[in-house]
């Protein structure tokens, strides 16, 4: 796939070419199997209850000049997508996208973050 001369010209260096080949060669297509029994599947909804109880006045959240501070509702009154806003976005990269500079920059940033966390843990 990447052994053609025109594909090699697109990559800036041989080391980058080798790292991409190594990454593509180590990916597996087998689905991951879960070790947990099916009875422990978590129900859909908020992973944790909200930080304030129903009916609590949320002071300081009013944005209108003559408005009142909002009151917290029950957790089930909010849409399901609200509970996943703070989760990091996940994207499945296709092999073509894995050759892009955007993907390679993302990998570099992840490596830098992992290295800095490892250094702090020492």
PDB file of N, CA and C in Angstrom:
ATOM      1  N   UNK A   1       0.820  -1.182   0.000  1.00  0.00           N
ATOM      2  CA  UNK A   1       0.000   0.000   0.000  1.00  0.00           C
ATOM      3  C   UNK A   1       0.871   1.256   0.000  1.00  0.00           C
ATOM      4  N   UNK A   2       1.831   1.371   0.907  1.00  0.00           N
ATOM      5  CA  UNK A   2       2.679   2.557   0.970  1.00  0.00           C
ATOM      6  C   UNK A   2       4.022   2.344   0.292  1.00  0.00           C
ATOM      7  N   UNK A   3       4.189   1.246  -0.390  1.00  0.00           N
ATOM      8  CA  UNK A   3       5.480   0.948  -0.998  1.00  0.00           C
ATOM      9  C   UNK A   3       5.636   1.591  -2.373  1.00  0.00           C
ATOM     10  N   UNK A   4       4.613   2.196  -2.882  1.00  0.00           N
ATOM     11  CA  UNK A   4       4.729   2.838  -4.181  1.00  0.00           C
ATOM     12  C   UNK A   4       5.520   4.129  -4.040  1.00  0.00           C
ATOM     13  N   UNK A   5       6.303   4.498  -5.052  1.00  0.00           N
ATOM     14  CA  UNK A   5       7.132   5.706  -4.957  1.00  0.00           C
ATOM     15  C   UNK A   5       6.322   6.975  -4.737  1.00  0.00           C
ATOM     16  N   UNK A   6       5.132   7.071  -5.332  1.00  0.00           N
ATOM     17  CA  UNK A   6       4.358   8.303  -5.166  1.00  0.00           C
ATOM     18  C   UNK A   6       3.854   8.434  -3.736  1.00  0.00           C
ATOM     19  N   UNK A   7       3.510   7.315  -3.080  1.00  0.00           N
ATOM     20  CA  UNK A   7       3.074   7.383  -1.683  1.00  0.00           C
ATOM     21  C   UNK A   7       4.238   7.744  -0.774  1.00  0.00           C
ATOM     22  N   UNK A   8       5.439   7.268  -1.105  1.00  0.00           N
ATOM     23  CA  UNK A   8       6.606   7.591  -0.291  1.00  0.00           C
ATOM     24  C   UNK A   8       6.970   9.065  -0.395  1.00  0.00           C
ATOM     25  N   UNK A   9       6.721   9.675  -1.541  1.00  0.00           N
ATOM     26  CA  UNK A   9       7.029  11.090  -1.710  1.00  0.00           C
ATOM     27  C   UNK A   9       6.139  11.975  -0.851  1.00  0.00           C
ATOM     28  N   UNK A  10       4.945  11.494  -0.499  1.00  0.00           N
ATOM     29  CA  UNK A  10       4.034  12.293   0.312  1.00  0.00           C
ATOM     30  C   UNK A  10       4.507  12.406   1.757  1.00  0.00           C
ATOM     31  N   UNK A  11       5.268  11.431   2.215  1.00  0.00           N
ATOM     32  CA  UNK A  11       5.733  11.441   3.592  1.00  0.00           C
ATOM     33  C   UNK A  11       7.059  12.188   3.676  1.00  0.00           C
ATOM     34  N   UNK A  12       7.227  13.056   4.676  1.00  0.00           N
ATOM     35  CA  UNK A  12       8.422  13.888   4.734  1.00  0.00           C
ATOM     36  C   UNK A  12       9.709  13.145   5.068  1.00  0.00           C
ATOM     37  N   UNK A  13       9.650  12.028   5.777  1.00  0.00           N
ATOM     38  CA  UNK A  13      10.893  11.344   6.130  1.00  0.00           C
ATOM     39  C   UNK A  13      10.681   9.839   6.195  1.00  0.00           C
ATOM     40  N   UNK A  14      11.787   9.103   6.139  1.00  0.00           N
ATOM     41  CA  UNK A  14      11.708   7.640   6.210  1.00  0.00           C
ATOM     42  C   UNK A  14      11.262   7.185   7.597  1.00  0.00           C
ATOM     43  N   UNK A  15      11.695   7.883   8.643  1.00  0.00           N
ATOM     44  CA  UNK A  15      11.314   7.476   9.997  1.00  0.00           C
ATOM     45  C   UNK A  15       9.808   7.621  10.190  1.00  0.00           C
ATOM     46  N   UNK A  16       9.234   8.665   9.615  1.00  0.00           N
ATOM     47  CA  UNK A  16       7.789   8.833   9.687  1.00  0.00           C
ATOM     48  C   UNK A  16       7.099   7.711   8.929  1.00  0.00           C
ATOM     49  N   UNK A  17       7.646   7.372   7.770  1.00  0.00           N
ATOM     50  CA  UNK A  17       7.102   6.274   6.971  1.00  0.00           C
ATOM     51  C   UNK A  17       7.137   4.977   7.771  1.00  0.00           C
ATOM     52  N   UNK A  18       8.255   4.704   8.445  1.00  0.00           N
ATOM     53  CA  UNK A  18       8.385   3.474   9.236  1.00  0.00           C
ATOM     54  C   UNK A  18       7.416   3.460  10.408  1.00  0.00           C
ATOM     55  N   UNK A  19       7.242   4.604  11.064  1.00  0.00           N
ATOM     56  CA  UNK A  19       6.343   4.637  12.217  1.00  0.00           C
ATOM     57  C   UNK A  19       4.897   4.426  11.792  1.00  0.00           C
ATOM     58  N   UNK A  20       4.530   4.948  10.626  1.00  0.00           N
ATOM     59  CA  UNK A  20       3.163   4.743  10.140  1.00  0.00           C
ATOM     60  C   UNK A  20       2.953   3.289   9.772  1.00  0.00           C
ATOM     61  N   UNK A  21       3.923   2.690   9.100  1.00  0.00           N
ATOM     62  CA  UNK A  21       3.807   1.274   8.730  1.00  0.00           C
ATOM     63  C   UNK A  21       3.706   0.425   9.989  1.00  0.00           C
ATOM     64  N   UNK A  22       4.534   0.722  10.992  1.00  0.00           N
ATOM     65  CA  UNK A  22       4.496  -0.050  12.237  1.00  0.00           C
ATOM     66  C   UNK A  22       3.146   0.102  12.920  1.00  0.00           C
ATOM     67  N   UNK A  23       2.598   1.305  12.921  1.00  0.00           N
ATOM     68  CA  UNK A  23       1.310   1.537  13.566  1.00  0.00           C
ATOM     69  C   UNK A  23       0.195   0.795  12.831  1.00  0.00           C
ATOM     70  N   UNK A  24       0.215   0.846  11.509  1.00  0.00           N
ATOM     71  CA  UNK A  24      -0.817   0.162  10.738  1.00  0.00           C
ATOM     72  C   UNK A  24      -0.670  -1.349  10.837  1.00  0.00           C
ATOM     73  N   UNK A  25       0.536  -1.841  10.981  1.00  0.00           N
ATOM     74  CA  UNK A  25       0.756  -3.280  11.056  1.00  0.00           C
ATOM     75  C   UNK A  25       0.336  -3.844  12.401  1.00  0.00           C
ATOM     76  N   UNK A  26       0.338  -3.028  13.452  1.00  0.00           N
ATOM     77  CA  UNK A  26       0.006  -3.533  14.780  1.00  0.00           C
ATOM     78  C   UNK A  26      -1.463  -3.400  15.122  1.00  0.00           C
ATOM     79  N   UNK A  27      -2.239  -2.759  14.287  1.00  0.00           N
ATOM     80  CA  UNK A  27      -3.659  -2.628  14.598  1.00  0.00           C
ATOM     81  C   UNK A  27      -4.358  -3.950  14.372  1.00  0.00           C
ATOM     82  N   UNK A  28      -5.318  -4.224  15.209  1.00  0.00           N
ATOM     83  CA  UNK A  28      -6.086  -5.458  15.090  1.00  0.00           C
ATOM     84  C   UNK A  28      -7.503  -5.120  14.672  1.00  0.00           C
ATOM     85  N   UNK A  29      -8.110  -6.032  13.971  1.00  0.00           N
ATOM     86  CA  UNK A  29      -9.488  -5.827  13.555  1.00  0.00           C
ATOM     87  C   UNK A  29     -10.445  -6.700  14.333  1.00  0.00           C
ATOM     88  N   UNK A  30      -9.947  -7.516  15.254  1.00  0.00           N
ATOM     89  CA  UNK A  30     -10.814  -8.380  16.043  1.00  0.00           C
ATOM     90  C   UNK A  30     -11.537  -7.540  17.089  1.00  0.00           C
ATOM     91  N   UNK A  31     -12.822  -7.804  17.311  1.00  0.00           N
ATOM     92  CA  UNK A  31     -13.551  -7.036  18.312  1.00  0.00           C
ATOM     93  C   UNK A  31     -13.076  -7.396  19.718  1.00  0.00           C
ATOM     94  N   UNK A  32     -13.066  -6.406  20.568  1.00  0.00           N
ATOM     95  CA  UNK A  32     -12.643  -6.633  21.946  1.00  0.00           C
ATOM     96  C   UNK A  32     -13.741  -7.373  22.698  1.00  0.00           C
ATOM     97  N   UNK A  33     -13.351  -8.340  23.488  1.00  0.00           N
ATOM     98  CA  UNK A  33     -14.329  -9.093  24.269  1.00  0.00           C
ATOM     99  C   UNK A  33     -14.335  -8.562  25.681  1.00  0.00           C
ATOM    100  N   UNK A  34     -15.494  -8.452  26.246  1.00  0.00           N
ATOM    101  CA  UNK A  34     -15.640  -7.936  27.588  1.00  0.00           C
ATOM    102  C   UNK A  34     -15.521  -9.073  28.590  1.00  0.00           C
ATOM    103  N   UNK A  35     -14.784  -8.856  29.668  1.00  0.00           N
ATOM    104  CA  UNK A  35     -14.608  -9.860  30.700  1.00  0.00           C
ATOM    105  C   UNK A  35     -15.740  -9.803  31.723  1.00  0.00           C
ATOM    106  N   UNK A  36     -16.545  -8.749  31.696  1.00  0.00           N
ATOM    107  CA  UNK A  36     -17.624  -8.602  32.662  1.00  0.00           C
ATOM    108  C   UNK A  36     -18.825  -9.431  32.237  1.00  0.00           C
ATOM    109  N   UNK A  37     -19.529 -10.023  33.195  1.00  0.00           N
ATOM    110  CA  UNK A  37     -20.751 -10.736  32.841  1.00  0.00           C
ATOM    111  C   UNK A  37     -21.819  -9.750  32.382  1.00  0.00           C
ATOM    112  N   UNK A  38     -22.769 -10.185  31.553  1.00  0.00           N
ATOM    113  CA  UNK A  38     -23.769  -9.256  31.018  1.00  0.00           C
ATOM    114  C   UNK A  38     -24.676  -8.654  32.082  1.00  0.00           C
ATOM    115  N   UNK A  39     -24.748  -9.238  33.270  1.00  0.00           N
ATOM    116  CA  UNK A  39     -25.628  -8.711  34.306  1.00  0.00           C
ATOM    117  C   UNK A  39     -25.088  -7.424  34.924  1.00  0.00           C
ATOM    118  N   UNK A  40     -23.811  -7.100  34.703  1.00  0.00           N
ATOM    119  CA  UNK A  40     -23.233  -5.899  35.298  1.00  0.00           C
ATOM    120  C   UNK A  40     -23.244  -4.705  34.351  1.00  0.00           C
ATOM    121  N   UNK A  41     -24.042  -4.751  33.306  1.00  0.00           N
ATOM    122  CA  UNK A  41     -24.132  -3.636  32.371  1.00  0.00           C
ATOM    123  C   UNK A  41     -24.801  -2.473  33.087  1.00  0.00           C
ATOM    124  N   UNK A  42     -24.185  -1.299  32.986  1.00  0.00           N
ATOM    125  CA  UNK A  42     -24.703  -0.128  33.678  1.00  0.00           C
ATOM    126  C   UNK A  42     -25.927   0.420  32.944  1.00  0.00           C
ATOM    127  N   UNK A  43     -26.927   0.892  33.671  1.00  0.00           N
ATOM    128  CA  UNK A  43     -28.105   1.464  33.020  1.00  0.00           C
ATOM    129  C   UNK A  43     -27.768   2.808  32.391  1.00  0.00           C
ATOM    130  N   UNK A  44     -28.551   3.189  31.394  1.00  0.00           N
ATOM    131  CA  UNK A  44     -28.333   4.455  30.707  1.00  0.00           C
ATOM    132  C   UNK A  44     -28.813   5.595  31.596  1.00  0.00           C
ATOM    133  N   UNK A  45     -28.204   6.733  31.470  1.00  0.00           N
ATOM    134  CA  UNK A  45     -28.577   7.884  32.273  1.00  0.00           C
ATOM    135  C   UNK A  45     -27.336   8.542  32.834  1.00  0.00           C
ATOM    136  N   UNK A  46     -27.508   9.423  33.813  1.00  0.00           N
ATOM    137  CA  UNK A  46     -26.349  10.108  34.362  1.00  0.00           C
ATOM    138  C   UNK A  46     -25.461   9.141  35.132  1.00  0.00           C
ATOM    139  N   UNK A  47     -24.135   9.212  34.937  1.00  0.00           N
ATOM    140  CA  UNK A  47     -23.241   8.301  35.638  1.00  0.00           C
ATOM    141  C   UNK A  47     -23.225   8.563  37.143  1.00  0.00           C
ATOM    142  N   UNK A  48     -23.417   9.792  37.526  1.00  0.00           N
ATOM    143  CA  UNK A  48     -23.463  10.171  38.925  1.00  0.00           C
ATOM    144  C   UNK A  48     -24.623  11.141  39.095  1.00  0.00           C
ATOM    145  N   UNK A  49     -25.181  11.209  40.285  1.00  0.00           N
ATOM    146  CA  UNK A  49     -26.231  12.214  40.484  1.00  0.00           C
ATOM    147  C   UNK A  49     -25.638  13.615  40.376  1.00  0.00           C
ATOM    148  N   UNK A  50     -26.481  14.565  40.071  1.00  0.00           N
ATOM    149  CA  UNK A  50     -25.980  15.929  39.915  1.00  0.00           C
ATOM    150  C   UNK A  50     -25.482  16.462  41.252  1.00  0.00           C
ATOM    151  N   UNK A  51     -24.735  17.533  41.200  1.00  0.00           N
ATOM    152  CA  UNK A  51     -24.088  18.053  42.402  1.00  0.00           C
ATOM    153  C   UNK A  51     -25.038  18.813  43.315  1.00  0.00           C
ATOM    154  N   UNK A  52     -26.216  19.164  42.828  1.00  0.00           N
ATOM    155  CA  UNK A  52     -27.174  19.863  43.689  1.00  0.00           C
ATOM    156  C   UNK A  52     -28.542  19.190  43.596  1.00  0.00           C
ATOM    157  N   UNK A  53     -29.296  19.298  44.666  1.00  0.00           N
ATOM    158  CA  UNK A  53     -30.599  18.640  44.738  1.00  0.00           C
ATOM    159  C   UNK A  53     -31.646  19.445  43.973  1.00  0.00           C
ATOM    160  N   UNK A  54     -32.746  18.778  43.682  1.00  0.00           N
ATOM    161  CA  UNK A  54     -33.852  19.418  42.975  1.00  0.00           C
ATOM    162  C   UNK A  54     -34.405  20.553  43.830  1.00  0.00           C
ATOM    163  N   UNK A  55     -34.651  21.704  43.199  1.00  0.00           N
ATOM    164  CA  UNK A  55     -35.204  22.854  43.900  1.00  0.00           C
ATOM    165  C   UNK A  55     -34.160  23.814  44.445  1.00  0.00           C
ATOM    166  N   UNK A  56     -32.892  23.509  44.301  1.00  0.00           N
ATOM    167  CA  UNK A  56     -31.826  24.385  44.784  1.00  0.00           C
ATOM    168  C   UNK A  56     -31.716  25.610  43.875  1.00  0.00           C
ATOM    169  N   UNK A  57     -31.650  26.779  44.479  1.00  0.00           N
ATOM    170  CA  UNK A  57     -31.482  28.007  43.699  1.00  0.00           C
ATOM    171  C   UNK A  57     -30.008  28.126  43.323  1.00  0.00           C
ATOM    172  N   UNK A  58     -29.746  28.260  42.029  1.00  0.00           N
ATOM    173  CA  UNK A  58     -28.374  28.342  41.518  1.00  0.00           C
ATOM    174  C   UNK A  58     -27.972  29.813  41.427  1.00  0.00           C
ATOM    175  N   UNK A  59     -27.370  30.322  42.496  1.00  0.00           N
ATOM    176  CA  UNK A  59     -27.029  31.740  42.590  1.00  0.00           C
ATOM    177  C   UNK A  59     -25.893  32.083  41.641  1.00  0.00           C
ATOM    178  N   UNK A  60     -26.014  33.222  40.985  1.00  0.00           N
ATOM    179  CA  UNK A  60     -24.962  33.712  40.110  1.00  0.00           C
ATOM    180  C   UNK A  60     -25.068  33.245  38.670  1.00  0.00           C
ATOM    181  N   UNK A  61     -26.071  32.455  38.326  1.00  0.00           N
ATOM    182  CA  UNK A  61     -26.213  31.977  36.949  1.00  0.00           C
ATOM    183  C   UNK A  61     -27.187  32.810  36.128  1.00  0.00           C
ATOM    184  N   UNK A  62     -27.792  33.811  36.731  1.00  0.00           N
ATOM    185  CA  UNK A  62     -28.717  34.666  36.008  1.00  0.00           C
ATOM    186  C   UNK A  62     -27.931  35.579  35.074  1.00  0.00           C
ATOM    187  N   UNK A  63     -28.374  35.653  33.806  1.00  0.00           N
ATOM    188  CA  UNK A  63     -27.687  36.521  32.849  1.00  0.00           C
ATOM    189  C   UNK A  63     -28.547  37.716  32.442  1.00  0.00           C
ATOM    190  N   UNK A  64     -29.777  37.752  32.906  1.00  0.00           N
ATOM    191  CA  UNK A  64     -30.669  38.852  32.568  1.00  0.00           C
ATOM    192  C   UNK A  64     -30.627  39.921  33.659  1.00  0.00           C
ATOM    193  N   UNK A  65     -30.837  41.169  33.272  1.00  0.00           N
ATOM    194  CA  UNK A  65     -30.735  42.273  34.216  1.00  0.00           C
ATOM    195  C   UNK A  65     -31.784  42.168  35.325  1.00  0.00           C
ATOM    196  N   UNK A  66     -33.025  41.927  34.957  1.00  0.00           N
ATOM    197  CA  UNK A  66     -34.100  41.862  35.950  1.00  0.00           C
ATOM    198  C   UNK A  66     -34.570  40.434  36.192  1.00  0.00           C
ATOM    199  N   UNK A  67     -33.803  39.452  35.797  1.00  0.00           N
ATOM    200  CA  UNK A  67     -34.213  38.058  35.935  1.00  0.00           C
ATOM    201  C   UNK A  67     -33.898  37.486  37.304  1.00  0.00           C
ATOM    202  N   UNK A  68     -34.411  36.287  37.528  1.00  0.00           N
ATOM    203  CA  UNK A  68     -34.173  35.583  38.786  1.00  0.00           C
ATOM    204  C   UNK A  68     -33.159  34.469  38.545  1.00  0.00           C
ATOM    205  N   UNK A  69     -32.508  34.053  39.610  1.00  0.00           N
ATOM    206  CA  UNK A  69     -31.575  32.931  39.507  1.00  0.00           C
ATOM    207  C   UNK A  69     -32.354  31.657  39.192  1.00  0.00           C
ATOM    208  N   UNK A  70     -31.812  30.789  38.320  1.00  0.00           N
ATOM    209  CA  UNK A  70     -32.526  29.558  37.958  1.00  0.00           C
ATOM    210  C   UNK A  70     -32.562  28.570  39.125  1.00  0.00           C
ATOM    211  N   UNK A  71     -33.549  27.676  39.053  1.00  0.00           N
ATOM    212  CA  UNK A  71     -33.726  26.645  40.067  1.00  0.00           C
ATOM    213  C   UNK A  71     -33.385  25.301  39.435  1.00  0.00           C
ATOM    214  N   UNK A  72     -32.638  24.468  40.150  1.00  0.00           N
ATOM    215  CA  UNK A  72     -32.234  23.157  39.633  1.00  0.00           C
ATOM    216  C   UNK A  72     -33.444  22.240  39.515  1.00  0.00           C
ATOM    217  N   UNK A  73     -33.481  21.482  38.431  1.00  0.00           N
ATOM    218  CA  UNK A  73     -34.549  20.513  38.198  1.00  0.00           C
ATOM    219  C   UNK A  73     -34.063  19.124  38.579  1.00  0.00           C
ATOM    220  N   UNK A  74     -34.968  18.160  38.490  1.00  0.00           N
ATOM    221  CA  UNK A  74     -34.588  16.768  38.734  1.00  0.00           C
ATOM    222  C   UNK A  74     -33.666  16.302  37.614  1.00  0.00           C
ATOM    223  N   UNK A  75     -32.825  15.309  37.894  1.00  0.00           N
ATOM    224  CA  UNK A  75     -31.864  14.825  36.899  1.00  0.00           C
ATOM    225  C   UNK A  75     -32.544  14.296  35.646  1.00  0.00           C
ATOM    226  N   UNK A  76     -33.707  13.681  35.789  1.00  0.00           N
ATOM    227  CA  UNK A  76     -34.383  13.120  34.614  1.00  0.00           C
ATOM    228  C   UNK A  76     -35.072  14.189  33.775  1.00  0.00           C
ATOM    229  N   UNK A  77     -35.117  15.435  34.240  1.00  0.00           N
ATOM    230  CA  UNK A  77     -35.717  16.525  33.466  1.00  0.00           C
ATOM    231  C   UNK A  77     -34.746  17.077  32.423  1.00  0.00           C
ATOM    232  N   UNK A  78     -33.472  16.743  32.555  1.00  0.00           N
ATOM    233  CA  UNK A  78     -32.465  17.209  31.611  1.00  0.00           C
ATOM    234  C   UNK A  78     -32.254  16.160  30.519  1.00  0.00           C
ATOM    235  N   UNK A  79     -31.851  16.569  29.305  1.00  0.00           N
ATOM    236  CA  UNK A  79     -31.624  15.586  28.228  1.00  0.00           C
ATOM    237  C   UNK A  79     -30.410  14.700  28.526  1.00  0.00           C
ATOM    238  N   UNK A  80     -30.418  13.493  27.954  1.00  0.00           N
ATOM    239  CA  UNK A  80     -29.346  12.524  28.203  1.00  0.00           C
ATOM    240  C   UNK A  80     -27.987  13.023  27.723  1.00  0.00           C
ATOM    241  N   UNK A  81     -27.953  13.775  26.613  1.00  0.00           N
ATOM    242  CA  UNK A  81     -26.678  14.226  26.062  1.00  0.00           C
ATOM    243  C   UNK A  81     -25.966  15.200  26.995  1.00  0.00           C
ATOM    244  N   UNK A  82     -26.696  15.822  27.906  1.00  0.00           N
ATOM    245  CA  UNK A  82     -26.098  16.785  28.817  1.00  0.00           C
ATOM    246  C   UNK A  82     -25.063  16.133  29.729  1.00  0.00           C
ATOM    247  N   UNK A  83     -25.297  14.877  30.090  1.00  0.00           N
ATOM    248  CA  UNK A  83     -24.411  14.182  31.027  1.00  0.00           C
ATOM    249  C   UNK A  83     -23.110  13.737  30.360  1.00  0.00           C
ATOM    250  N   UNK A  84     -23.036  13.801  29.052  1.00  0.00           N
ATOM    251  CA  UNK A  84     -21.811  13.376  28.366  1.00  0.00           C
ATOM    252  C   UNK A  84     -21.018  14.555  27.790  1.00  0.00           C
ATOM    253  N   UNK A  85     -21.367  15.777  28.131  1.00  0.00           N
ATOM    254  CA  UNK A  85     -20.674  16.945  27.579  1.00  0.00           C
ATOM    255  C   UNK A  85     -19.213  17.030  28.008  1.00  0.00           C
ATOM    256  N   UNK A  86     -18.908  16.594  29.203  1.00  0.00           N
ATOM    257  CA  UNK A  86     -17.535  16.705  29.693  1.00  0.00           C
ATOM    258  C   UNK A  86     -16.670  15.526  29.299  1.00  0.00           C
ATOM    259  N   UNK A  87     -17.246  14.487  28.684  1.00  0.00           N
ATOM    260  CA  UNK A  87     -16.458  13.351  28.217  1.00  0.00           C
ATOM    261  C   UNK A  87     -15.636  13.774  27.008  1.00  0.00           C
ATOM    262  N   UNK A  88     -14.399  13.315  26.896  1.00  0.00           N
ATOM    263  CA  UNK A  88     -13.601  13.688  25.728  1.00  0.00           C
ATOM    264  C   UNK A  88     -14.170  13.059  24.460  1.00  0.00           C
ATOM    265  N   UNK A  89     -14.147  13.787  23.353  1.00  0.00           N
ATOM    266  CA  UNK A  89     -14.676  13.221  22.108  1.00  0.00           C
ATOM    267  C   UNK A  89     -13.798  12.083  21.618  1.00  0.00           C
ATOM    268  N   UNK A  90     -14.433  11.049  21.095  1.00  0.00           N
ATOM    269  CA  UNK A  90     -13.696   9.896  20.587  1.00  0.00           C
ATOM    270  C   UNK A  90     -13.966   9.774  19.099  1.00  0.00           C
ATOM    271  N   UNK A  91     -12.915   9.501  18.362  1.00  0.00           N
ATOM    272  CA  UNK A  91     -13.057   9.391  16.921  1.00  0.00           C
ATOM    273  C   UNK A  91     -12.309   8.162  16.447  1.00  0.00           C
ATOM    274  N   UNK A  92     -12.947   7.390  15.591  1.00  0.00           N
ATOM    275  CA  UNK A  92     -12.283   6.257  14.965  1.00  0.00           C
ATOM    276  C   UNK A  92     -11.664   6.747  13.665  1.00  0.00           C
ATOM    277  N   UNK A  93     -10.368   6.668  13.573  1.00  0.00           N
ATOM    278  CA  UNK A  93      -9.649   7.165  12.406  1.00  0.00           C
ATOM    279  C   UNK A  93      -9.563   6.068  11.354  1.00  0.00           C
ATOM    280  N   UNK A  94      -9.865   6.404  10.126  1.00  0.00           N
ATOM    281  CA  UNK A  94      -9.711   5.467   9.020  1.00  0.00           C
ATOM    282  C   UNK A  94      -8.234   5.420   8.632  1.00  0.00           C
ATOM    283  N   UNK A  95      -7.798   4.380   7.912  1.00  0.00           N
ATOM    284  CA  UNK A  95      -6.383   4.320   7.505  1.00  0.00           C
ATOM    285  C   UNK A  95      -5.944   5.529   6.684  1.00  0.00           C
ATOM    286  N   UNK A  96      -6.838   6.081   5.875  1.00  0.00           N
ATOM    287  CA  UNK A  96      -6.476   7.261   5.085  1.00  0.00           C
ATOM    288  C   UNK A  96      -6.267   8.467   5.996  1.00  0.00           C
ATOM    289  N   UNK A  97      -7.123   8.595   7.017  1.00  0.00           N
ATOM    290  CA  UNK A  97      -6.988   9.716   7.938  1.00  0.00           C
ATOM    291  C   UNK A  97      -5.751   9.565   8.824  1.00  0.00           C
ATOM    292  N   UNK A  98      -5.327   8.330   9.065  1.00  0.00           N
ATOM    293  CA  UNK A  98      -4.146   8.109   9.890  1.00  0.00           C
ATOM    294  C   UNK A  98      -2.880   8.606   9.207  1.00  0.00           C
ATOM    295  N   UNK A  99      -2.921   8.786   7.908  1.00  0.00           N
ATOM    296  CA  UNK A  99      -1.766   9.311   7.184  1.00  0.00           C
ATOM    297  C   UNK A  99      -1.748  10.838   7.157  1.00  0.00           C
ATOM    298  N   UNK A 100      -2.780  11.466   7.681  1.00  0.00           N
ATOM    299  CA  UNK A 100      -2.859  12.919   7.612  1.00  0.00           C
ATOM    300  C   UNK A 100      -1.983  13.574   8.681  1.00  0.00           C
ATOM    301  N   UNK A 101      -1.634  14.817   8.444  1.00  0.00           N
ATOM    302  CA  UNK A 101      -0.817  15.563   9.401  1.00  0.00           C
ATOM    303  C   UNK A 101      -1.599  15.827  10.685  1.00  0.00           C
ATOM    304  N   UNK A 102      -2.905  16.006  10.562  1.00  0.00           N
ATOM    305  CA  UNK A 102      -3.733  16.261  11.739  1.00  0.00           C
ATOM    306  C   UNK A 102      -3.648  15.085  12.710  1.00  0.00           C
ATOM    307  N   UNK A 103      -3.717  13.874  12.186  1.00  0.00           N
ATOM    308  CA  UNK A 103      -3.633  12.680  13.023  1.00  0.00           C
ATOM    309  C   UNK A 103      -2.251  12.566  13.659  1.00  0.00           C
ATOM    310  N   UNK A 104      -1.207  12.829  12.880  1.00  0.00           N
ATOM    311  CA  UNK A 104       0.148  12.733  13.410  1.00  0.00           C
ATOM    312  C   UNK A 104       0.400  13.787  14.491  1.00  0.00           C
ATOM    313  N   UNK A 105      -0.151  14.983  14.329  1.00  0.00           N
ATOM    314  CA  UNK A 105      -0.031  16.011  15.361  1.00  0.00           C
ATOM    315  C   UNK A 105      -0.742  15.573  16.636  1.00  0.00           C
ATOM    316  N   UNK A 106      -1.911  14.945  16.463  1.00  0.00           N
ATOM    317  CA  UNK A 106      -2.669  14.452  17.616  1.00  0.00           C
ATOM    318  C   UNK A 106      -1.865  13.397  18.370  1.00  0.00           C
ATOM    319  N   UNK A 107      -1.227  12.487  17.645  1.00  0.00           N
ATOM    320  CA  UNK A 107      -0.394  11.468  18.283  1.00  0.00           C
ATOM    321  C   UNK A 107       0.766  12.098  19.046  1.00  0.00           C
ATOM    322  N   UNK A 108       1.392  13.099  18.447  1.00  0.00           N
ATOM    323  CA  UNK A 108       2.514  13.765  19.092  1.00  0.00           C
ATOM    324  C   UNK A 108       2.071  14.443  20.385  1.00  0.00           C
ATOM    325  N   UNK A 109       0.934  15.123  20.350  1.00  0.00           N
ATOM    326  CA  UNK A 109       0.428  15.784  21.553  1.00  0.00           C
ATOM    327  C   UNK A 109       0.123  14.765  22.645  1.00  0.00           C
ATOM    328  N   UNK A 110      -0.461  13.625  22.268  1.00  0.00           N
ATOM    329  CA  UNK A 110      -0.763  12.589  23.252  1.00  0.00           C
ATOM    330  C   UNK A 110       0.511  12.032  23.876  1.00  0.00           C
ATOM    331  N   UNK A 111       1.559  11.854  23.068  1.00  0.00           N
ATOM    332  CA  UNK A 111       2.833  11.360  23.598  1.00  0.00           C
ATOM    333  C   UNK A 111       3.444  12.363  24.567  1.00  0.00           C
ATOM    334  N   UNK A 112       3.389  13.647  24.220  1.00  0.00           N
ATOM    335  CA  UNK A 112       3.938  14.688  25.088  1.00  0.00           C
ATOM    336  C   UNK A 112       3.186  14.716  26.416  1.00  0.00           C
ATOM    337  N   UNK A 113       1.860  14.625  26.366  1.00  0.00           N
ATOM    338  CA  UNK A 113       1.064  14.619  27.595  1.00  0.00           C
ATOM    339  C   UNK A 113       1.391  13.405  28.449  1.00  0.00           C
ATOM    340  N   UNK A 114       1.501  12.243  27.825  1.00  0.00           N
ATOM    341  CA  UNK A 114       1.811  11.018  28.569  1.00  0.00           C
ATOM    342  C   UNK A 114       3.188  11.111  29.215  1.00  0.00           C
ATOM    343  N   UNK A 115       4.161  11.661  28.496  1.00  0.00           N
ATOM    344  CA  UNK A 115       5.507  11.812  29.049  1.00  0.00           C
ATOM    345  C   UNK A 115       5.533  12.792  30.218  1.00  0.00           C
ATOM    346  N   UNK A 116       4.793  13.887  30.109  1.00  0.00           N
ATOM    347  CA  UNK A 116       4.792  14.865  31.201  1.00  0.00           C
ATOM    348  C   UNK A 116       4.094  14.303  32.437  1.00  0.00           C
ATOM    349  N   UNK A 117       3.052  13.504  32.240  1.00  0.00           N
ATOM    350  CA  UNK A 117       2.378  12.869  33.377  1.00  0.00           C
ATOM    351  C   UNK A 117       3.303  11.855  34.033  1.00  0.00           C
ATOM    352  N   UNK A 118       4.037  11.113  33.223  1.00  0.00           N
ATOM    353  CA  UNK A 118       4.969  10.122  33.763  1.00  0.00           C
ATOM    354  C   UNK A 118       6.096  10.798  34.546  1.00  0.00           C
ATOM    355  N   UNK A 119       6.567  11.945  34.067  1.00  0.00           N
ATOM    356  CA  UNK A 119       7.630  12.662  34.771  1.00  0.00           C
ATOM    357  C   UNK A 119       7.136  13.208  36.106  1.00  0.00           C
ATOM    358  N   UNK A 120       5.886  13.682  36.138  1.00  0.00           N
ATOM    359  CA  UNK A 120       5.330  14.206  37.384  1.00  0.00           C
ATOM    360  C   UNK A 120       5.109  13.103  38.409  1.00  0.00           C
ATOM    361  N   UNK A 121       4.838  11.890  37.946  1.00  0.00           N
ATOM    362  CA  UNK A 121       4.560  10.774  38.852  1.00  0.00           C
ATOM    363  C   UNK A 121       5.821  10.262  39.541  1.00  0.00           C
ATOM    364  N   UNK A 122       6.987  10.587  39.020  1.00  0.00           N
ATOM    365  CA  UNK A 122       8.250  10.096  39.608  1.00  0.00           C
ATOM    366  C   UNK A 122       8.558  10.732  40.904  1.00  0.00           C
TER     367      UNK A 122
END
